[in-house]
Amino acid sequence: MTSRLSKAKRVVVKVGSALLVDQKTGAIKASWLNSLVDDLADLKVAGADVILVSSGAIALGRRTLGLPKGKLKLEQSQAAAAVGQIALAQAWSEALRARNIVAAQVLVTLTDTEERRRYLNARATLSTLLTQGAVPVINENDTVATSEIRYGDNDRLAARVASMMSADVLVLLSDIDGLYSAPPNQKGATFIPELTEITPAVEAMAGKPVSGVGSGGMITKIEAGKIALSAGCHMVIASGHELHPLKRITEGERCSWFVAQANARQARKQWIAGTLQPVGRLVVDEGAKGALDKGKSLLPAGVKDVTGNFERGDTVSIVTGGEEFARGLVAYDAEDARKIVGLKSSEVEKLLGAEATHEIVHRDDLVML
């Protein structure tokens, strides 16, 4: 079990407010943060991409603004987030920079991971940051997100990010060391070290938030597990109270693993092939078909015709000889796709601008049928 994290090629780590911010002083726990960043640096040295989802902005900002204890009004929470986000980003940036790692702040709302076009833009930005060796530090944009358009917890947000980025492992650092059959302080509660599916019985094990600082709890972690497993991503719930929490996981410290039955790539391909209905067709030549058979992306030069009315990110059938042999998420609107039929990459750039992507369907968004 421990090797799942050490061998992962892409890891999302979620950090809660109660772990990062001292409840008495309202300040960041610097020693703990630095020990975690050491662990993240070790993952990167081992070849993994690392994405952080960090709570803490409201907890940091409320003390600075002198806001009262207890539940805040929406406008108070947003004001606290606006102040605290600066301190939060600075803390992560300084700690990562001390280890020669570039940090990037990314603030998102629910619609950024749910609405197709914004989802694609967010994924493209994060992919570019990872390619450049940076560590994205993600948080919900609490300064503008209202109750109708917000997650309200970073457990599910982290799971959405893990799904969007095809992560291998999602780590939820928590107040407790994993999942129990009942609240852990209750007599007869048993520890659950591993599970492969989330049944109604598992859902019934979830309790209420225990930290008094964060907005999550075991309920949101179970919901995060559903999202992660459906995306082919393993998830682990582990205690984050001690220093070097990720190292402790790899060394076998007790934690609860939610084990995906398919890997992220397989799950994504299954989703494209079996869940999404095509709304357009790309007719390609035999040369393009041969390239796709070898695992290549579909380039405009190999496309002969475009039919249908679709938008960027929609699903299209890829056809030759009148038969569909592949399916994928298209990188262009139908109007632009028709303009670039048969063109070379250099010609596409001249027509649509240097920011135009070279692939009309990228191999990561394509499945052979």
Protein backbone atom coordinates (compact mmCIF):
# COMPACT_ATOMS: atom_id res chain seq x y z
CA MET A 1 0.00 0.00 0.00
CA THR A 2 2.74 2.45 0.93
CA SER A 3 4.36 2.12 -2.50
CA ARG A 4 1.31 3.66 -4.16
CA LEU A 5 2.42 7.09 -3.02
CA SER A 6 6.17 6.66 -3.55
CA LYS A 7 5.64 5.30 -7.08
CA ALA A 8 2.96 7.78 -8.16
CA LYS A 9 3.71 9.98 -11.16
CA ARG A 10 1.18 12.65 -10.26
CA VAL A 11 0.04 13.43 -6.70
CA VAL A 12 -2.53 15.87 -5.33
CA VAL A 13 -2.11 16.74 -1.64
CA LYS A 14 -4.89 18.46 0.29
CA VAL A 15 -4.01 20.37 3.47
CA GLY A 16 -6.72 21.52 5.87
CA SER A 17 -6.87 24.69 7.93
CA ALA A 18 -6.61 22.88 11.27
CA LEU A 19 -3.25 21.39 10.29
CA LEU A 20 -1.74 24.52 8.78
CA VAL A 21 -2.98 27.30 11.09
CA ASP A 22 -2.45 27.44 14.86
CA GLN A 23 -5.89 27.84 16.45
CA LYS A 24 -4.52 29.86 19.38
CA THR A 25 -2.31 32.35 17.55
CA GLY A 26 -3.90 32.39 14.09
CA ALA A 27 -0.43 32.02 12.57
CA ILE A 28 0.90 29.41 10.18
CA LYS A 29 2.67 26.43 11.77
CA ALA A 30 6.00 27.06 10.08
CA SER A 31 7.80 23.92 11.27
CA TRP A 32 4.98 21.68 10.09
CA LEU A 33 4.70 23.44 6.73
CA ASN A 34 8.43 23.13 6.11
CA SER A 35 8.41 19.43 6.93
CA LEU A 36 5.58 18.88 4.45
CA VAL A 37 7.42 20.84 1.76
CA ASP A 38 10.46 18.63 2.36
CA ASP A 39 8.20 15.64 1.63
CA LEU A 40 6.85 17.32 -1.51
CA ALA A 41 10.40 18.03 -2.69
CA ASP A 42 11.25 14.34 -2.20
CA LEU A 43 8.27 13.37 -4.38
CA LYS A 44 9.47 15.72 -7.11
CA VAL A 45 13.01 14.32 -6.92
CA ALA A 46 11.46 10.87 -7.43
CA GLY A 47 9.87 12.16 -10.64
CA ALA A 48 6.33 12.99 -9.54
CA ASP A 49 4.24 16.00 -10.49
CA VAL A 50 2.86 17.61 -7.34
CA ILE A 51 -0.28 19.71 -6.89
CA LEU A 52 -1.27 21.27 -3.57
CA VAL A 53 -4.81 22.11 -2.52
CA SER A 54 -4.46 24.29 0.56
CA SER A 55 -7.07 25.65 2.94
CA GLY A 56 -6.21 28.31 5.47
CA ALA A 57 -6.95 31.70 3.89
CA ILE A 58 -10.02 32.45 6.02
CA ALA A 59 -8.39 31.13 9.19
CA LEU A 60 -5.38 33.40 8.60
CA GLY A 61 -7.36 36.45 7.55
CA ARG A 62 -9.97 36.48 10.30
CA ARG A 63 -7.35 37.02 13.03
CA THR A 64 -5.68 39.82 11.04
CA LEU A 65 -9.01 41.60 10.61
CA GLY A 66 -10.02 41.02 14.23
CA LEU A 67 -13.16 39.10 13.32
CA PRO A 68 -15.00 37.26 16.11
CA LYS A 69 -14.76 33.54 16.82
CA GLY A 70 -17.45 31.20 15.59
CA LYS A 71 -19.35 31.12 12.32
CA LEU A 72 -18.79 34.13 10.07
CA LYS A 73 -21.24 35.83 7.75
CA LEU A 74 -20.57 35.32 4.04
CA GLU A 75 -19.18 38.84 3.57
CA GLN A 76 -16.91 38.40 6.62
CA SER A 77 -15.59 35.10 5.28
CA GLN A 78 -14.89 36.67 1.92
CA ALA A 79 -13.09 39.60 3.50
CA ALA A 80 -11.02 37.24 5.64
CA ALA A 81 -10.17 35.16 2.56
CA ALA A 82 -9.04 38.26 0.66
CA VAL A 83 -6.56 39.12 3.43
CA GLY A 84 -5.52 35.59 4.33
CA GLN A 85 -4.91 34.41 0.77
CA ILE A 86 -1.93 36.75 0.48
CA ALA A 87 -0.32 35.33 3.60
CA LEU A 88 -1.13 31.77 2.57
CA ALA A 89 0.39 32.14 -0.89
CA GLN A 90 3.48 33.85 0.54
CA ALA A 91 4.05 31.04 3.05
CA TRP A 92 3.89 28.31 0.41
CA SER A 93 5.95 30.34 -2.06
CA GLU A 94 8.76 31.01 0.40
CA ALA A 95 8.90 27.43 1.64
CA LEU A 96 8.97 25.98 -1.88
CA ARG A 97 11.46 28.57 -3.15
CA ALA A 98 13.86 27.61 -0.35
CA ARG A 99 13.97 24.18 -2.03
CA ASN A 100 14.34 25.65 -5.54
CA ILE A 101 10.73 24.93 -6.45
CA VAL A 102 8.47 27.52 -8.09
CA ALA A 103 5.01 27.94 -6.57
CA ALA A 104 1.99 29.08 -8.59
CA GLN A 105 -1.24 30.33 -7.03
CA VAL A 106 -4.45 29.11 -8.67
CA LEU A 107 -7.83 30.21 -7.29
CA VAL A 108 -10.89 28.35 -8.57
CA THR A 109 -14.64 28.12 -8.12
CA LEU A 110 -17.03 25.22 -8.65
CA THR A 111 -17.73 26.23 -12.24
CA ASP A 112 -14.03 26.04 -13.13
CA THR A 113 -14.16 22.26 -12.71
CA GLU A 114 -17.74 21.72 -13.87
CA GLU A 115 -18.29 23.98 -16.91
CA ARG A 116 -16.58 22.42 -19.93
CA ARG A 117 -14.75 25.42 -21.41
CA ARG A 118 -13.46 26.68 -18.07
CA TYR A 119 -12.51 23.11 -17.12
CA LEU A 120 -10.37 22.83 -20.25
CA ASN A 121 -8.73 26.19 -19.62
CA ALA A 122 -7.95 25.27 -16.01
CA ARG A 123 -6.53 21.91 -17.05
CA ALA A 124 -4.36 23.51 -19.74
CA THR A 125 -2.97 26.04 -17.26
CA LEU A 126 -2.19 23.39 -14.64
CA SER A 127 -0.63 21.10 -17.25
CA THR A 128 1.68 23.89 -18.42
CA LEU A 129 2.72 24.68 -14.85
CA LEU A 130 3.55 21.02 -14.19
CA THR A 131 5.48 20.76 -17.45
CA GLN A 132 7.59 23.71 -16.28
CA GLY A 133 8.29 22.03 -12.94
CA ALA A 134 6.13 24.34 -10.82
CA VAL A 135 3.89 23.29 -7.93
CA PRO A 136 0.38 24.75 -8.31
CA VAL A 137 -1.12 25.79 -4.97
CA ILE A 138 -4.88 25.68 -5.37
CA ASN A 139 -7.60 27.09 -3.16
CA GLU A 140 -11.24 27.92 -3.66
CA ASN A 141 -11.76 31.55 -4.61
CA ASP A 142 -13.67 32.34 -1.44
CA THR A 143 -13.52 36.09 -2.06
CA VAL A 144 -16.07 35.87 -4.89
CA ALA A 145 -17.71 32.44 -4.64
CA THR A 146 -21.26 32.57 -3.29
CA SER A 147 -23.09 29.65 -1.72
CA GLU A 148 -24.56 28.72 -5.10
CA ILE A 149 -21.22 28.45 -6.91
CA ARG A 150 -18.83 27.16 -4.27
CA TYR A 151 -17.63 23.81 -3.01
CA GLY A 152 -17.47 24.91 0.60
CA ASP A 153 -14.76 22.35 1.34
CA ASN A 154 -11.41 21.53 -0.19
CA ASP A 155 -11.78 17.74 0.05
CA ARG A 156 -14.11 17.58 -2.94
CA LEU A 157 -12.24 20.36 -4.71
CA ALA A 158 -9.02 18.34 -4.36
CA ALA A 159 -10.79 15.27 -5.76
CA ARG A 160 -12.06 17.27 -8.75
CA VAL A 161 -8.55 18.54 -9.39
CA ALA A 162 -7.17 15.00 -9.12
CA SER A 163 -9.79 13.81 -11.61
CA MET A 164 -9.21 16.72 -13.99
CA MET A 165 -5.42 16.21 -13.95
CA SER A 166 -5.52 12.36 -14.10
CA ALA A 167 -3.61 12.06 -10.82
CA ASP A 168 -2.48 8.68 -9.54
CA VAL A 169 -2.93 9.44 -5.83
CA LEU A 170 -4.96 11.96 -3.85
CA VAL A 171 -3.73 12.53 -0.27
CA LEU A 172 -6.16 14.03 2.23
CA LEU A 173 -4.22 15.09 5.30
CA SER A 174 -6.70 15.08 8.14
CA ASP A 175 -7.26 15.50 11.86
CA ILE A 176 -7.58 11.73 12.22
CA ASP A 177 -5.59 8.84 10.79
CA GLY A 178 -8.26 7.39 8.53
CA LEU A 179 -11.76 6.00 8.24
CA TYR A 180 -13.49 4.29 11.16
CA SER A 181 -16.74 2.33 11.27
CA ALA A 182 -18.03 4.97 13.72
CA PRO A 183 -16.62 8.13 15.30
CA PRO A 184 -13.18 7.01 16.59
CA ASN A 185 -13.93 8.07 20.17
CA GLN A 186 -16.98 5.83 20.20
CA LYS A 187 -16.75 2.40 21.82
CA GLY A 188 -16.54 -0.40 19.27
CA ALA A 189 -15.32 1.80 16.41
CA THR A 190 -13.01 -0.17 14.13
CA PHE A 191 -10.36 1.18 11.78
CA ILE A 192 -10.79 0.60 8.01
CA PRO A 193 -7.32 0.27 6.42
CA GLU A 194 -8.44 -0.29 2.81
CA LEU A 195 -11.55 -0.38 0.65
CA THR A 196 -12.19 -0.63 -3.09
CA GLU A 197 -15.71 0.78 -3.33
CA ILE A 198 -17.91 3.21 -1.46
CA THR A 199 -21.13 1.48 -0.50
CA PRO A 200 -24.08 2.89 1.49
CA ALA A 201 -22.58 1.15 4.52
CA VAL A 202 -19.32 3.07 4.03
CA GLU A 203 -21.22 6.33 3.64
CA ALA A 204 -23.00 5.64 6.92
CA MET A 205 -19.64 5.57 8.71
CA ALA A 206 -19.06 9.29 8.07
CA GLY A 207 -19.36 11.65 11.03
CA LYS A 208 -19.37 15.40 11.57
CA PRO A 209 -16.44 17.87 11.37
CA VAL A 210 -14.25 17.64 14.45
CA SER A 211 -11.67 20.41 14.07
CA GLY A 212 -13.82 23.51 14.52
CA VAL A 213 -11.57 25.32 12.02
CA GLY A 214 -12.14 23.70 8.64
CA SER A 215 -15.40 23.21 6.77
CA GLY A 216 -14.99 19.53 5.92
CA GLY A 217 -15.31 16.28 7.82
CA MET A 218 -15.50 12.60 7.00
CA ILE A 219 -18.66 13.18 4.94
CA THR A 220 -16.79 15.35 2.45
CA LYS A 221 -13.88 12.91 2.41
CA ILE A 222 -16.22 10.07 1.44
CA GLU A 223 -17.61 12.27 -1.34
CA ALA A 224 -14.05 13.00 -2.44
CA GLY A 225 -13.39 9.25 -2.49
CA LYS A 226 -16.29 8.71 -4.89
CA ILE A 227 -14.90 11.29 -7.28
CA ALA A 228 -11.34 9.97 -7.06
CA LEU A 229 -12.22 6.29 -7.50
CA SER A 230 -14.44 7.00 -10.50
CA ALA A 231 -11.46 8.78 -12.10
CA GLY A 232 -9.09 5.88 -11.47
CA CYS A 233 -7.23 7.74 -8.73
CA HIS A 234 -6.25 6.11 -5.42
CA MET A 235 -7.08 8.19 -2.35
CA VAL A 236 -5.57 8.03 1.12
CA ILE A 237 -6.81 9.64 4.34
CA ALA A 238 -3.96 10.11 6.79
CA SER A 239 -3.19 12.08 9.92
CA GLY A 240 -1.31 15.28 9.31
CA HIS A 241 -0.62 16.18 12.93
CA GLU A 242 3.01 15.04 13.02
CA LEU A 243 5.92 16.41 11.02
CA HIS A 244 6.67 14.88 7.60
CA PRO A 245 3.17 13.46 7.08
CA LEU A 246 3.83 12.17 3.54
CA LYS A 247 7.04 10.44 4.55
CA ARG A 248 5.11 8.77 7.34
CA ILE A 249 2.63 7.37 4.81
CA THR A 250 5.44 5.89 2.69
CA GLU A 251 6.98 4.38 5.82
CA GLY A 252 3.79 2.53 6.65
CA GLU A 253 2.06 4.70 9.24
CA ARG A 254 -1.59 3.81 9.69
CA CYS A 255 -3.94 5.39 7.17
CA SER A 256 -6.99 4.47 5.09
CA TRP A 257 -6.57 3.72 1.37
CA PHE A 258 -9.41 3.98 -1.13
CA VAL A 259 -8.12 1.79 -3.96
CA ALA A 260 -9.18 2.48 -7.56
CA GLN A 261 -9.80 -0.58 -9.74
CA ALA A 262 -8.61 1.15 -12.94
CA ASN A 263 -5.81 3.66 -13.40
CA ALA A 264 -6.52 7.30 -14.23
CA ARG A 265 -5.76 6.90 -17.93
CA GLN A 266 -8.04 3.88 -18.28
CA ALA A 267 -10.85 5.59 -16.38
CA ARG A 268 -10.62 8.68 -18.58
CA LYS A 269 -10.66 6.60 -21.75
CA GLN A 270 -13.70 4.68 -20.50
CA TRP A 271 -15.44 7.96 -19.72
CA ILE A 272 -14.82 9.33 -23.21
CA ALA A 273 -15.80 6.09 -24.96
CA GLY A 274 -18.82 5.07 -22.95
CA THR A 275 -20.32 8.10 -21.24
CA LEU A 276 -20.10 11.05 -23.62
CA GLN A 277 -22.27 11.26 -26.72
CA PRO A 278 -20.60 12.61 -29.90
CA VAL A 279 -22.07 15.85 -31.26
CA GLY A 280 -19.94 16.05 -34.40
CA ARG A 281 -17.71 14.09 -36.79
CA LEU A 282 -14.18 14.45 -38.08
CA VAL A 283 -13.56 12.56 -41.31
CA VAL A 284 -9.86 11.69 -41.60
CA ASP A 285 -7.59 10.11 -44.19
CA GLU A 286 -5.84 6.74 -43.89
CA GLY A 287 -2.57 8.39 -42.90
CA ALA A 288 -4.21 10.02 -39.90
CA LYS A 289 -5.86 6.73 -38.94
CA GLY A 290 -2.48 5.02 -39.02
CA ALA A 291 -1.00 7.70 -36.78
CA LEU A 292 -3.85 7.35 -34.29
CA ASP A 293 -3.39 3.57 -34.27
CA LYS A 294 0.19 4.23 -33.12
CA GLY A 295 -0.93 6.46 -30.25
CA LYS A 296 -0.43 9.84 -31.93
CA SER A 297 -2.66 12.91 -31.69
CA LEU A 298 -4.97 13.94 -34.52
CA LEU A 299 -3.56 16.90 -36.46
CA PRO A 300 -5.59 19.16 -38.77
CA ALA A 301 -3.51 18.01 -41.74
CA GLY A 302 -5.12 14.57 -41.53
CA VAL A 303 -8.71 15.84 -41.41
CA LYS A 304 -10.72 15.85 -44.64
CA ASP A 305 -14.12 17.06 -43.45
CA VAL A 306 -15.94 18.35 -40.37
CA THR A 307 -19.64 17.90 -39.70
CA GLY A 308 -21.85 18.93 -36.78
CA ASN A 309 -22.16 21.97 -34.56
CA PHE A 310 -19.85 21.58 -31.56
CA GLU A 311 -17.79 23.63 -29.15
CA ARG A 312 -14.29 23.16 -27.83
CA GLY A 313 -14.26 20.26 -25.38
CA ASP A 314 -17.25 18.47 -26.90
CA THR A 315 -17.04 14.84 -27.94
CA VAL A 316 -16.67 14.03 -31.64
CA SER A 317 -16.56 10.83 -33.64
CA ILE A 318 -13.46 10.23 -35.75
CA VAL A 319 -14.38 8.49 -38.98
CA THR A 320 -12.76 7.01 -42.06
CA GLY A 321 -14.45 5.07 -44.82
CA GLY A 322 -17.82 5.85 -43.24
CA GLU A 323 -17.00 4.02 -40.00
CA GLU A 324 -16.26 5.47 -36.57
CA PHE A 325 -12.97 4.06 -35.26
CA ALA A 326 -12.15 6.60 -32.53
CA ARG A 327 -13.74 9.20 -30.31
CA GLY A 328 -12.29 12.22 -28.55
CA LEU A 329 -12.64 15.67 -27.04
CA VAL A 330 -12.10 18.25 -29.75
CA ALA A 331 -9.78 21.22 -29.17
CA TYR A 332 -11.62 23.62 -31.49
CA ASP A 333 -15.12 24.95 -32.08
CA ALA A 334 -16.76 23.61 -35.25
CA GLU A 335 -16.29 26.95 -37.03
CA ASP A 336 -12.54 27.04 -36.46
CA ALA A 337 -12.19 23.30 -37.08
CA ARG A 338 -13.64 23.77 -40.58
CA LYS A 339 -11.16 26.58 -41.26
CA ILE A 340 -8.11 24.41 -40.54
CA VAL A 341 -9.12 21.20 -42.32
CA GLY A 342 -6.05 19.82 -44.12
CA LEU A 343 -3.70 22.55 -42.91
CA LYS A 344 -0.18 22.05 -41.55
CA SER A 345 0.62 23.30 -38.04
CA SER A 346 2.48 26.36 -39.36
CA GLU A 347 -0.51 27.26 -41.53
CA VAL A 348 -2.87 26.88 -38.56
CA GLU A 349 -0.76 29.34 -36.56
CA LYS A 350 -0.83 31.88 -39.39
CA LEU A 351 -4.61 31.57 -39.69
CA LEU A 352 -5.66 31.44 -36.03
CA GLY A 353 -2.64 32.91 -34.21
CA ALA A 354 0.39 31.55 -32.37
CA GLU A 355 -1.73 30.46 -29.39
CA ALA A 356 -3.59 27.91 -31.53
CA THR A 357 -2.99 24.31 -30.48
CA HIS A 358 -1.35 21.98 -33.00
CA GLU A 359 -3.72 19.07 -32.28
CA ILE A 360 -7.37 19.05 -33.20
CA VAL A 361 -7.77 16.10 -30.80
CA HIS A 362 -4.93 15.41 -28.36
CA ARG A 363 -4.00 11.79 -27.73
CA ASP A 364 -4.81 12.16 -24.02
CA ASP A 365 -8.36 13.10 -25.01
CA LEU A 366 -8.78 10.34 -27.58
CA VAL A 367 -9.83 6.70 -27.36
CA MET A 368 -9.70 4.06 -30.06
CA LEU A 369 -12.94 2.07 -30.31
